[in-house]
N, C-alpha and C. Protein backbone atom coordinates (compact mmCIF):
# COMPACT_ATOMS: atom_id res chain seq x y z
N MET A 1 79.86 71.79 128.00
CA MET A 1 79.62 72.59 126.82
C MET A 1 79.13 73.98 127.23
N ASN A 2 79.89 74.62 128.07
CA ASN A 2 79.50 75.93 128.59
C ASN A 2 79.49 77.02 127.53
N ASN A 3 80.21 76.83 126.46
CA ASN A 3 80.36 77.88 125.47
C ASN A 3 79.68 77.51 124.15
N PHE A 4 78.47 76.99 124.24
CA PHE A 4 77.74 76.49 123.08
C PHE A 4 76.29 76.94 123.19
N TRP A 5 75.73 77.39 122.08
CA TRP A 5 74.32 77.76 122.02
C TRP A 5 73.68 77.13 120.80
N ALA A 6 72.41 76.81 120.92
CA ALA A 6 71.66 76.27 119.78
C ALA A 6 70.24 76.83 119.79
N ILE A 7 69.79 77.21 118.61
CA ILE A 7 68.41 77.66 118.42
C ILE A 7 67.78 76.77 117.37
N CYS A 8 66.64 76.19 117.70
CA CYS A 8 65.92 75.30 116.79
C CYS A 8 64.55 75.91 116.52
N ILE A 9 64.28 76.25 115.26
CA ILE A 9 63.01 76.86 114.88
C ILE A 9 62.34 75.99 113.83
N GLY A 10 61.10 75.62 114.09
CA GLY A 10 60.32 74.85 113.12
C GLY A 10 58.90 75.39 113.07
N ILE A 11 58.47 75.81 111.90
CA ILE A 11 57.16 76.45 111.76
C ILE A 11 56.27 75.62 110.85
N GLU A 12 55.10 75.27 111.36
CA GLU A 12 54.13 74.51 110.56
C GLU A 12 52.93 75.33 110.15
N GLU A 13 52.26 75.93 111.10
CA GLU A 13 50.97 76.59 110.85
C GLU A 13 51.16 78.09 110.62
N TYR A 14 51.60 78.43 109.43
CA TYR A 14 51.77 79.83 109.06
C TYR A 14 50.42 80.55 109.03
N LEU A 15 50.45 81.84 109.28
CA LEU A 15 49.22 82.63 109.25
C LEU A 15 48.75 82.90 107.82
N HIS A 16 49.70 82.99 106.86
CA HIS A 16 49.35 83.39 105.50
C HIS A 16 49.74 82.38 104.42
N TYR A 17 50.24 81.22 104.80
CA TYR A 17 50.70 80.23 103.82
C TYR A 17 50.18 78.84 104.19
N GLN A 18 50.34 77.92 103.25
CA GLN A 18 49.97 76.53 103.51
C GLN A 18 50.78 75.98 104.69
N PRO A 19 50.20 75.09 105.48
CA PRO A 19 50.97 74.46 106.56
C PRO A 19 52.14 73.64 106.02
N LEU A 20 53.20 73.57 106.79
CA LEU A 20 54.37 72.75 106.46
C LEU A 20 54.43 71.59 107.43
N ARG A 21 54.02 70.46 107.02
CA ARG A 21 53.98 69.28 107.89
C ARG A 21 55.39 68.79 108.22
N GLY A 22 55.60 68.51 109.49
CA GLY A 22 56.86 67.93 109.95
C GLY A 22 57.89 68.92 110.44
N ALA A 23 57.71 70.20 110.18
CA ALA A 23 58.71 71.20 110.58
C ALA A 23 58.87 71.26 112.10
N GLU A 24 57.76 71.24 112.79
CA GLU A 24 57.81 71.31 114.25
C GLU A 24 58.46 70.06 114.83
N ASN A 25 58.12 68.90 114.30
CA ASN A 25 58.71 67.64 114.79
C ASN A 25 60.21 67.59 114.59
N ARG A 26 60.70 68.09 113.45
CA ARG A 26 62.14 68.07 113.20
C ARG A 26 62.88 69.03 114.14
N ALA A 27 62.31 70.19 114.38
CA ALA A 27 62.94 71.13 115.33
C ALA A 27 62.96 70.53 116.73
N GLN A 28 61.86 69.88 117.12
CA GLN A 28 61.80 69.24 118.44
C GLN A 28 62.81 68.11 118.55
N ALA A 29 62.98 67.33 117.50
CA ALA A 29 63.94 66.22 117.52
C ALA A 29 65.36 66.73 117.69
N LEU A 30 65.71 67.79 117.00
CA LEU A 30 67.05 68.36 117.14
C LEU A 30 67.24 68.93 118.54
N TYR A 31 66.23 69.60 119.05
CA TYR A 31 66.27 70.13 120.41
C TYR A 31 66.49 69.00 121.43
N ARG A 32 65.72 67.92 121.29
CA ARG A 32 65.87 66.78 122.21
C ARG A 32 67.26 66.16 122.13
N TYR A 33 67.81 66.10 120.92
CA TYR A 33 69.16 65.57 120.76
C TYR A 33 70.16 66.42 121.55
N PHE A 34 70.10 67.72 121.35
CA PHE A 34 71.02 68.61 122.06
C PHE A 34 70.85 68.48 123.57
N PHE A 35 69.63 68.41 124.03
CA PHE A 35 69.36 68.36 125.46
C PHE A 35 69.75 67.01 126.06
N ALA A 36 69.34 65.91 125.44
CA ALA A 36 69.54 64.58 126.02
C ALA A 36 70.89 63.98 125.68
N GLU A 37 71.26 64.02 124.43
CA GLU A 37 72.49 63.34 123.99
C GLU A 37 73.74 64.18 124.20
N SER A 38 73.62 65.48 123.98
CA SER A 38 74.79 66.35 124.09
C SER A 38 74.93 66.98 125.47
N ASN A 39 73.92 66.75 126.32
CA ASN A 39 73.92 67.31 127.67
C ASN A 39 74.07 68.83 127.67
N LEU A 40 73.49 69.46 126.69
CA LEU A 40 73.51 70.91 126.62
C LEU A 40 72.51 71.46 127.64
N PRO A 41 72.93 72.37 128.51
CA PRO A 41 72.00 72.92 129.50
C PRO A 41 70.84 73.65 128.83
N SER A 42 69.67 73.57 129.43
CA SER A 42 68.48 74.16 128.83
C SER A 42 68.58 75.68 128.66
N ASP A 43 69.41 76.35 129.45
CA ASP A 43 69.55 77.79 129.29
C ASP A 43 70.46 78.18 128.12
N GLN A 44 71.02 77.19 127.43
CA GLN A 44 71.84 77.43 126.24
C GLN A 44 71.18 76.84 125.00
N LEU A 45 69.92 76.54 125.13
CA LEU A 45 69.19 75.84 124.08
C LEU A 45 67.80 76.43 123.98
N LEU A 46 67.37 76.69 122.76
CA LEU A 46 66.08 77.33 122.57
C LEU A 46 65.29 76.63 121.48
N LEU A 47 64.02 76.39 121.76
CA LEU A 47 63.10 75.80 120.79
C LEU A 47 61.97 76.79 120.52
N LEU A 48 61.84 77.17 119.25
CA LEU A 48 60.77 78.07 118.83
C LEU A 48 59.91 77.33 117.81
N THR A 49 58.70 76.96 118.22
CA THR A 49 57.76 76.30 117.31
C THR A 49 56.37 76.87 117.56
N ASP A 50 55.42 76.39 116.79
CA ASP A 50 54.04 76.84 116.95
C ASP A 50 53.52 76.57 118.36
N THR A 51 53.99 75.51 118.99
CA THR A 51 53.44 75.08 120.28
C THR A 51 54.48 74.89 121.38
N SER A 52 55.70 75.34 121.18
CA SER A 52 56.75 75.09 122.18
C SER A 52 56.46 75.84 123.48
N PRO A 53 56.75 75.20 124.61
CA PRO A 53 56.54 75.86 125.90
C PRO A 53 57.57 76.98 126.09
N SER A 54 57.16 78.01 126.76
CA SER A 54 58.05 79.14 127.00
C SER A 54 58.88 78.92 128.25
N PRO A 55 60.19 79.21 128.17
CA PRO A 55 61.02 79.12 129.37
C PRO A 55 60.86 80.40 130.19
N GLY A 56 60.01 80.37 131.16
CA GLY A 56 59.75 81.57 131.94
C GLY A 56 58.61 82.37 131.33
N LYS A 57 58.76 83.69 131.33
CA LYS A 57 57.68 84.57 130.89
C LYS A 57 57.74 84.93 129.41
N ARG A 58 58.84 84.66 128.74
CA ARG A 58 58.98 85.06 127.34
C ARG A 58 58.40 84.03 126.40
N SER A 59 57.78 84.51 125.36
CA SER A 59 57.14 83.64 124.38
C SER A 59 58.16 83.02 123.43
N THR A 60 57.90 81.78 123.06
CA THR A 60 58.71 81.10 122.05
C THR A 60 57.92 80.93 120.75
N TYR A 61 56.82 81.63 120.63
CA TYR A 61 56.06 81.63 119.38
C TYR A 61 56.94 82.24 118.29
N PRO A 62 57.13 81.55 117.16
CA PRO A 62 58.15 81.97 116.19
C PRO A 62 57.72 83.11 115.26
N ASN A 63 57.28 84.21 115.85
CA ASN A 63 56.97 85.37 115.02
C ASN A 63 58.23 86.23 114.84
N HIS A 64 58.12 87.22 113.99
CA HIS A 64 59.27 88.06 113.62
C HIS A 64 59.96 88.65 114.84
N ASN A 65 59.21 89.32 115.69
CA ASN A 65 59.81 89.99 116.85
C ASN A 65 60.44 89.02 117.83
N ASN A 66 59.77 87.93 118.13
CA ASN A 66 60.32 86.96 119.08
C ASN A 66 61.62 86.35 118.58
N ILE A 67 61.66 85.96 117.32
CA ILE A 67 62.89 85.36 116.78
C ILE A 67 64.05 86.34 116.91
N LEU A 68 63.83 87.59 116.50
CA LEU A 68 64.91 88.58 116.59
C LEU A 68 65.32 88.87 118.03
N GLU A 69 64.35 88.94 118.93
CA GLU A 69 64.68 89.19 120.34
C GLU A 69 65.49 88.05 120.93
N TRP A 70 65.13 86.81 120.63
CA TRP A 70 65.89 85.68 121.16
C TRP A 70 67.31 85.67 120.59
N ILE A 71 67.46 85.97 119.31
CA ILE A 71 68.80 86.02 118.72
C ILE A 71 69.63 87.11 119.39
N ASN A 72 69.02 88.25 119.65
CA ASN A 72 69.73 89.34 120.32
C ASN A 72 70.16 88.96 121.73
N ASP A 73 69.49 88.00 122.34
CA ASP A 73 69.83 87.58 123.70
C ASP A 73 70.94 86.53 123.78
N ILE A 74 71.40 86.05 122.64
CA ILE A 74 72.53 85.11 122.67
C ILE A 74 73.75 85.89 123.16
N PRO A 75 74.48 85.36 124.12
CA PRO A 75 75.66 86.07 124.61
C PRO A 75 76.71 86.23 123.51
N VAL A 76 77.54 87.25 123.66
CA VAL A 76 78.64 87.44 122.71
C VAL A 76 79.82 86.56 123.13
N ASN A 77 80.68 86.30 122.19
CA ASN A 77 81.91 85.52 122.40
C ASN A 77 81.67 84.08 122.83
N ILE A 78 80.57 83.49 122.38
CA ILE A 78 80.42 82.06 122.61
C ILE A 78 81.23 81.32 121.55
N GLU A 79 81.70 80.14 121.91
CA GLU A 79 82.57 79.43 120.99
C GLU A 79 81.82 78.84 119.80
N TYR A 80 80.68 78.22 120.06
CA TYR A 80 79.91 77.57 118.99
C TYR A 80 78.46 77.98 119.07
N CYS A 81 77.87 78.22 117.90
CA CYS A 81 76.45 78.53 117.81
C CYS A 81 75.87 77.75 116.63
N TRP A 82 74.80 77.04 116.90
CA TRP A 82 74.06 76.33 115.86
C TRP A 82 72.70 76.98 115.72
N PHE A 83 72.30 77.21 114.48
CA PHE A 83 71.00 77.82 114.18
C PHE A 83 70.28 76.95 113.17
N PHE A 84 69.10 76.44 113.55
CA PHE A 84 68.30 75.60 112.67
C PHE A 84 66.97 76.29 112.41
N PHE A 85 66.59 76.38 111.14
CA PHE A 85 65.30 76.97 110.77
C PHE A 85 64.67 76.10 109.70
N GLN A 86 63.44 75.64 109.98
CA GLN A 86 62.67 74.96 108.95
C GLN A 86 61.36 75.70 108.79
N GLY A 87 61.15 76.17 107.57
CA GLY A 87 59.95 76.94 107.26
C GLY A 87 60.04 77.47 105.85
N TYR A 88 59.30 78.53 105.60
CA TYR A 88 59.32 79.15 104.28
C TYR A 88 60.44 80.17 104.18
N GLY A 89 60.91 80.36 102.95
CA GLY A 89 61.87 81.40 102.63
C GLY A 89 61.63 81.87 101.21
N ILE A 90 62.01 83.12 100.93
CA ILE A 90 61.88 83.63 99.57
C ILE A 90 63.07 84.52 99.24
N ASN A 91 63.24 84.77 97.95
CA ASN A 91 64.18 85.77 97.47
C ASN A 91 63.35 86.95 96.99
N TYR A 92 63.68 88.12 97.50
CA TYR A 92 62.96 89.33 97.12
C TYR A 92 63.96 90.43 96.84
N GLN A 93 63.91 91.00 95.65
CA GLN A 93 64.81 92.07 95.23
C GLN A 93 66.27 91.74 95.50
N GLY A 94 66.65 90.50 95.19
CA GLY A 94 68.05 90.09 95.29
C GLY A 94 68.52 89.70 96.67
N GLU A 95 67.62 89.63 97.63
CA GLU A 95 67.98 89.21 98.99
C GLU A 95 67.13 88.02 99.39
N ASP A 96 67.73 87.08 100.13
CA ASP A 96 67.00 85.93 100.66
C ASP A 96 66.44 86.29 102.03
N TYR A 97 65.22 85.81 102.29
CA TYR A 97 64.54 86.07 103.55
C TYR A 97 64.01 84.77 104.13
N LEU A 98 64.13 84.61 105.45
CA LEU A 98 63.41 83.57 106.17
C LEU A 98 62.06 84.16 106.55
N LEU A 99 61.03 83.33 106.50
CA LEU A 99 59.69 83.83 106.80
C LEU A 99 59.20 83.30 108.14
N PRO A 100 59.15 84.16 109.16
CA PRO A 100 58.56 83.78 110.44
C PRO A 100 57.07 83.46 110.27
N ILE A 101 56.46 82.98 111.31
CA ILE A 101 55.07 82.52 111.25
C ILE A 101 54.09 83.62 110.86
N ASP A 102 54.40 84.87 111.19
CA ASP A 102 53.51 86.00 110.91
C ASP A 102 53.92 86.80 109.68
N SER A 103 54.84 86.30 108.90
CA SER A 103 55.34 87.05 107.74
C SER A 103 54.29 87.12 106.64
N ASN A 104 54.51 88.07 105.75
CA ASN A 104 53.61 88.28 104.63
C ASN A 104 54.46 88.64 103.42
N ILE A 105 54.25 87.95 102.32
CA ILE A 105 55.04 88.20 101.11
C ILE A 105 54.91 89.65 100.65
N ASN A 106 53.77 90.26 100.86
CA ASN A 106 53.55 91.64 100.41
C ASN A 106 54.33 92.66 101.23
N THR A 107 54.78 92.27 102.42
CA THR A 107 55.56 93.17 103.28
C THR A 107 56.81 92.46 103.79
N VAL A 108 57.44 91.69 102.92
CA VAL A 108 58.54 90.83 103.35
C VAL A 108 59.72 91.61 103.94
N THR A 109 59.96 92.83 103.48
CA THR A 109 61.09 93.58 104.03
C THR A 109 60.84 93.99 105.48
N GLN A 110 59.57 94.03 105.90
CA GLN A 110 59.25 94.34 107.29
C GLN A 110 58.97 93.08 108.11
N THR A 111 58.43 92.04 107.49
CA THR A 111 57.98 90.87 108.25
C THR A 111 58.89 89.65 108.09
N GLY A 112 59.78 89.67 107.11
CA GLY A 112 60.73 88.58 106.93
C GLY A 112 62.03 88.89 107.65
N ILE A 113 62.91 87.90 107.72
CA ILE A 113 64.23 88.08 108.32
C ILE A 113 65.25 87.92 107.21
N LYS A 114 65.94 89.01 106.88
CA LYS A 114 66.93 88.98 105.81
C LYS A 114 68.09 88.08 106.23
N VAL A 115 68.42 87.11 105.39
CA VAL A 115 69.48 86.15 105.72
C VAL A 115 70.80 86.87 105.95
N ARG A 116 71.10 87.86 105.15
CA ARG A 116 72.36 88.61 105.32
C ARG A 116 72.44 89.21 106.73
N SER A 117 71.37 89.84 107.19
CA SER A 117 71.34 90.43 108.53
C SER A 117 71.41 89.37 109.62
N LEU A 118 70.73 88.25 109.40
CA LEU A 118 70.78 87.14 110.37
C LEU A 118 72.21 86.65 110.53
N PHE A 119 72.90 86.40 109.42
CA PHE A 119 74.28 85.91 109.49
C PHE A 119 75.18 86.92 110.20
N GLU A 120 75.01 88.20 109.89
CA GLU A 120 75.82 89.23 110.55
C GLU A 120 75.58 89.24 112.05
N LYS A 121 74.31 89.14 112.46
CA LYS A 121 73.97 89.14 113.88
C LYS A 121 74.56 87.91 114.58
N LEU A 122 74.42 86.74 113.95
CA LEU A 122 74.96 85.52 114.56
C LEU A 122 76.48 85.59 114.66
N GLN A 123 77.13 86.19 113.67
CA GLN A 123 78.60 86.29 113.72
C GLN A 123 79.08 87.26 114.80
N THR A 124 78.24 88.17 115.26
CA THR A 124 78.64 89.02 116.38
C THR A 124 78.60 88.23 117.69
N ARG A 125 77.94 87.09 117.67
CA ARG A 125 77.82 86.25 118.86
C ARG A 125 78.88 85.15 118.89
N SER A 126 79.20 84.59 117.72
CA SER A 126 80.12 83.46 117.65
C SER A 126 80.81 83.43 116.30
N LYS A 127 82.06 83.03 116.30
CA LYS A 127 82.80 82.89 115.03
C LYS A 127 82.67 81.48 114.46
N ASN A 128 82.19 80.55 115.27
CA ASN A 128 82.02 79.17 114.82
C ASN A 128 80.53 78.87 114.69
N LEU A 129 80.00 79.15 113.52
CA LEU A 129 78.57 78.99 113.28
C LEU A 129 78.29 77.79 112.41
N LEU A 130 77.22 77.11 112.74
CA LEU A 130 76.63 76.13 111.84
C LEU A 130 75.19 76.55 111.66
N VAL A 131 74.82 76.85 110.43
CA VAL A 131 73.46 77.25 110.10
C VAL A 131 72.85 76.16 109.24
N ILE A 132 71.70 75.67 109.68
CA ILE A 132 70.97 74.64 108.93
C ILE A 132 69.63 75.26 108.53
N LEU A 133 69.43 75.39 107.23
CA LEU A 133 68.19 75.96 106.71
C LEU A 133 67.48 74.90 105.87
N ASP A 134 66.27 74.60 106.23
CA ASP A 134 65.43 73.65 105.49
C ASP A 134 64.21 74.45 105.05
N LEU A 135 64.27 74.95 103.82
CA LEU A 135 63.29 75.93 103.37
C LEU A 135 62.40 75.42 102.25
N GLN A 136 61.21 75.95 102.25
CA GLN A 136 60.31 75.79 101.11
C GLN A 136 60.04 77.17 100.55
N ASN A 137 60.00 77.25 99.23
CA ASN A 137 59.80 78.52 98.55
C ASN A 137 58.38 78.60 98.01
N PRO A 138 57.52 79.43 98.62
CA PRO A 138 56.14 79.51 98.14
C PRO A 138 56.02 80.17 96.77
N LEU A 139 57.06 80.89 96.34
CA LEU A 139 57.01 81.57 95.04
C LEU A 139 57.42 80.65 93.89
N LYS A 140 58.11 79.58 94.19
CA LYS A 140 58.52 78.60 93.19
C LYS A 140 59.31 79.24 92.05
N ASP A 141 60.14 80.25 92.36
CA ASP A 141 60.85 80.97 91.31
C ASP A 141 62.29 80.53 91.10
N GLY A 142 62.82 79.67 91.93
CA GLY A 142 64.17 79.16 91.73
C GLY A 142 65.29 80.08 92.14
N LYS A 143 64.99 81.25 92.69
CA LYS A 143 66.04 82.20 93.07
C LYS A 143 66.52 82.02 94.51
N LEU A 144 65.66 81.49 95.36
CA LEU A 144 66.00 81.35 96.77
C LEU A 144 67.21 80.45 96.95
N GLY A 145 68.16 80.90 97.75
CA GLY A 145 69.31 80.10 98.11
C GLY A 145 70.61 80.56 97.50
N GLN A 146 70.57 81.14 96.33
CA GLN A 146 71.80 81.57 95.67
C GLN A 146 72.54 82.61 96.50
N VAL A 147 71.81 83.60 96.99
CA VAL A 147 72.41 84.66 97.81
C VAL A 147 72.90 84.09 99.13
N THR A 148 72.10 83.23 99.75
CA THR A 148 72.47 82.62 101.03
C THR A 148 73.78 81.86 100.91
N LEU A 149 73.92 81.07 99.86
CA LEU A 149 75.15 80.30 99.66
C LEU A 149 76.35 81.21 99.48
N LYS A 150 76.21 82.27 98.71
CA LYS A 150 77.32 83.21 98.49
C LYS A 150 77.73 83.91 99.78
N ILE A 151 76.74 84.34 100.56
CA ILE A 151 77.05 85.04 101.81
C ILE A 151 77.76 84.10 102.78
N ALA A 152 77.24 82.89 102.92
CA ALA A 152 77.87 81.92 103.84
C ALA A 152 79.30 81.64 103.43
N GLN A 153 79.53 81.46 102.14
CA GLN A 153 80.89 81.19 101.67
C GLN A 153 81.81 82.38 101.94
N LYS A 154 81.34 83.58 101.64
CA LYS A 154 82.14 84.79 101.84
C LYS A 154 82.47 85.01 103.32
N LYS A 155 81.53 84.71 104.21
CA LYS A 155 81.72 84.95 105.64
C LYS A 155 82.32 83.76 106.38
N GLY A 156 82.53 82.64 105.67
CA GLY A 156 83.09 81.46 106.31
C GLY A 156 82.13 80.77 107.26
N ILE A 157 80.85 80.83 106.96
CA ILE A 157 79.83 80.20 107.79
C ILE A 157 79.55 78.80 107.27
N SER A 158 79.58 77.82 108.16
CA SER A 158 79.20 76.46 107.77
C SER A 158 77.69 76.43 107.57
N LEU A 159 77.27 75.97 106.39
CA LEU A 159 75.86 76.02 106.04
C LEU A 159 75.42 74.68 105.47
N ILE A 160 74.31 74.19 105.99
CA ILE A 160 73.61 73.05 105.39
C ILE A 160 72.29 73.61 104.90
N PHE A 161 72.05 73.48 103.61
CA PHE A 161 70.91 74.15 102.99
C PHE A 161 70.06 73.15 102.21
N PHE A 162 68.79 73.09 102.57
CA PHE A 162 67.82 72.25 101.86
C PHE A 162 66.76 73.18 101.28
N LEU A 163 66.35 72.90 100.06
CA LEU A 163 65.31 73.71 99.43
C LEU A 163 64.34 72.80 98.72
N SER A 164 63.06 73.02 98.99
CA SER A 164 62.02 72.28 98.27
C SER A 164 60.89 73.25 97.97
N PHE A 165 59.98 72.78 97.17
CA PHE A 165 58.84 73.60 96.79
C PHE A 165 57.58 72.95 97.33
N PRO A 166 56.61 73.75 97.78
CA PRO A 166 55.37 73.18 98.29
C PRO A 166 54.67 72.35 97.22
N PHE A 167 53.87 71.43 97.68
CA PHE A 167 53.09 70.59 96.78
C PHE A 167 52.27 71.47 95.85
N LEU A 168 52.36 71.17 94.58
CA LEU A 168 51.60 71.93 93.59
C LEU A 168 50.28 71.23 93.31
N SER A 169 49.20 71.87 93.63
CA SER A 169 47.88 71.30 93.40
C SER A 169 47.48 71.47 91.94
N LYS A 170 46.75 70.51 91.41
CA LYS A 170 46.29 70.60 90.03
C LYS A 170 44.89 71.19 89.94
N HIS A 171 44.36 71.71 91.02
CA HIS A 171 43.01 72.28 91.02
C HIS A 171 43.00 73.68 90.47
């Protein structure tokens, strides 16, 4: 599988939001599957979680800058690329955003990752994309996902999309 890349991102302990239980475990499970079952070499596989070990000197802490830098390092013209993200996402001013661990709703255009830009960047690396997004919407507004689905369909990106809302406390 020389021409295959996978990025698995799972964020639990956000700096500005409620923790998301299980996100890190799911990203680790997918990473282990690719590594053990698919025999994907470790240099074509990346795990970004709250506690993932860094391959070498670069950090795998899933903040805004690290996520974008790792995506920029994916080689061009790879045959297949899988991208998995479990964490928070929101729709802001008609655009969907993934929220890295250091994101802030008040500055989402600077601290979030616009899904449209993410898809464009991934498509410069590979024409055969599978994007899996497992998102929770802290705003509970029902808008998140509509734009993502339209963009994926228009660009021919295979997308698996899950959306849930954080537990609503009665306090």
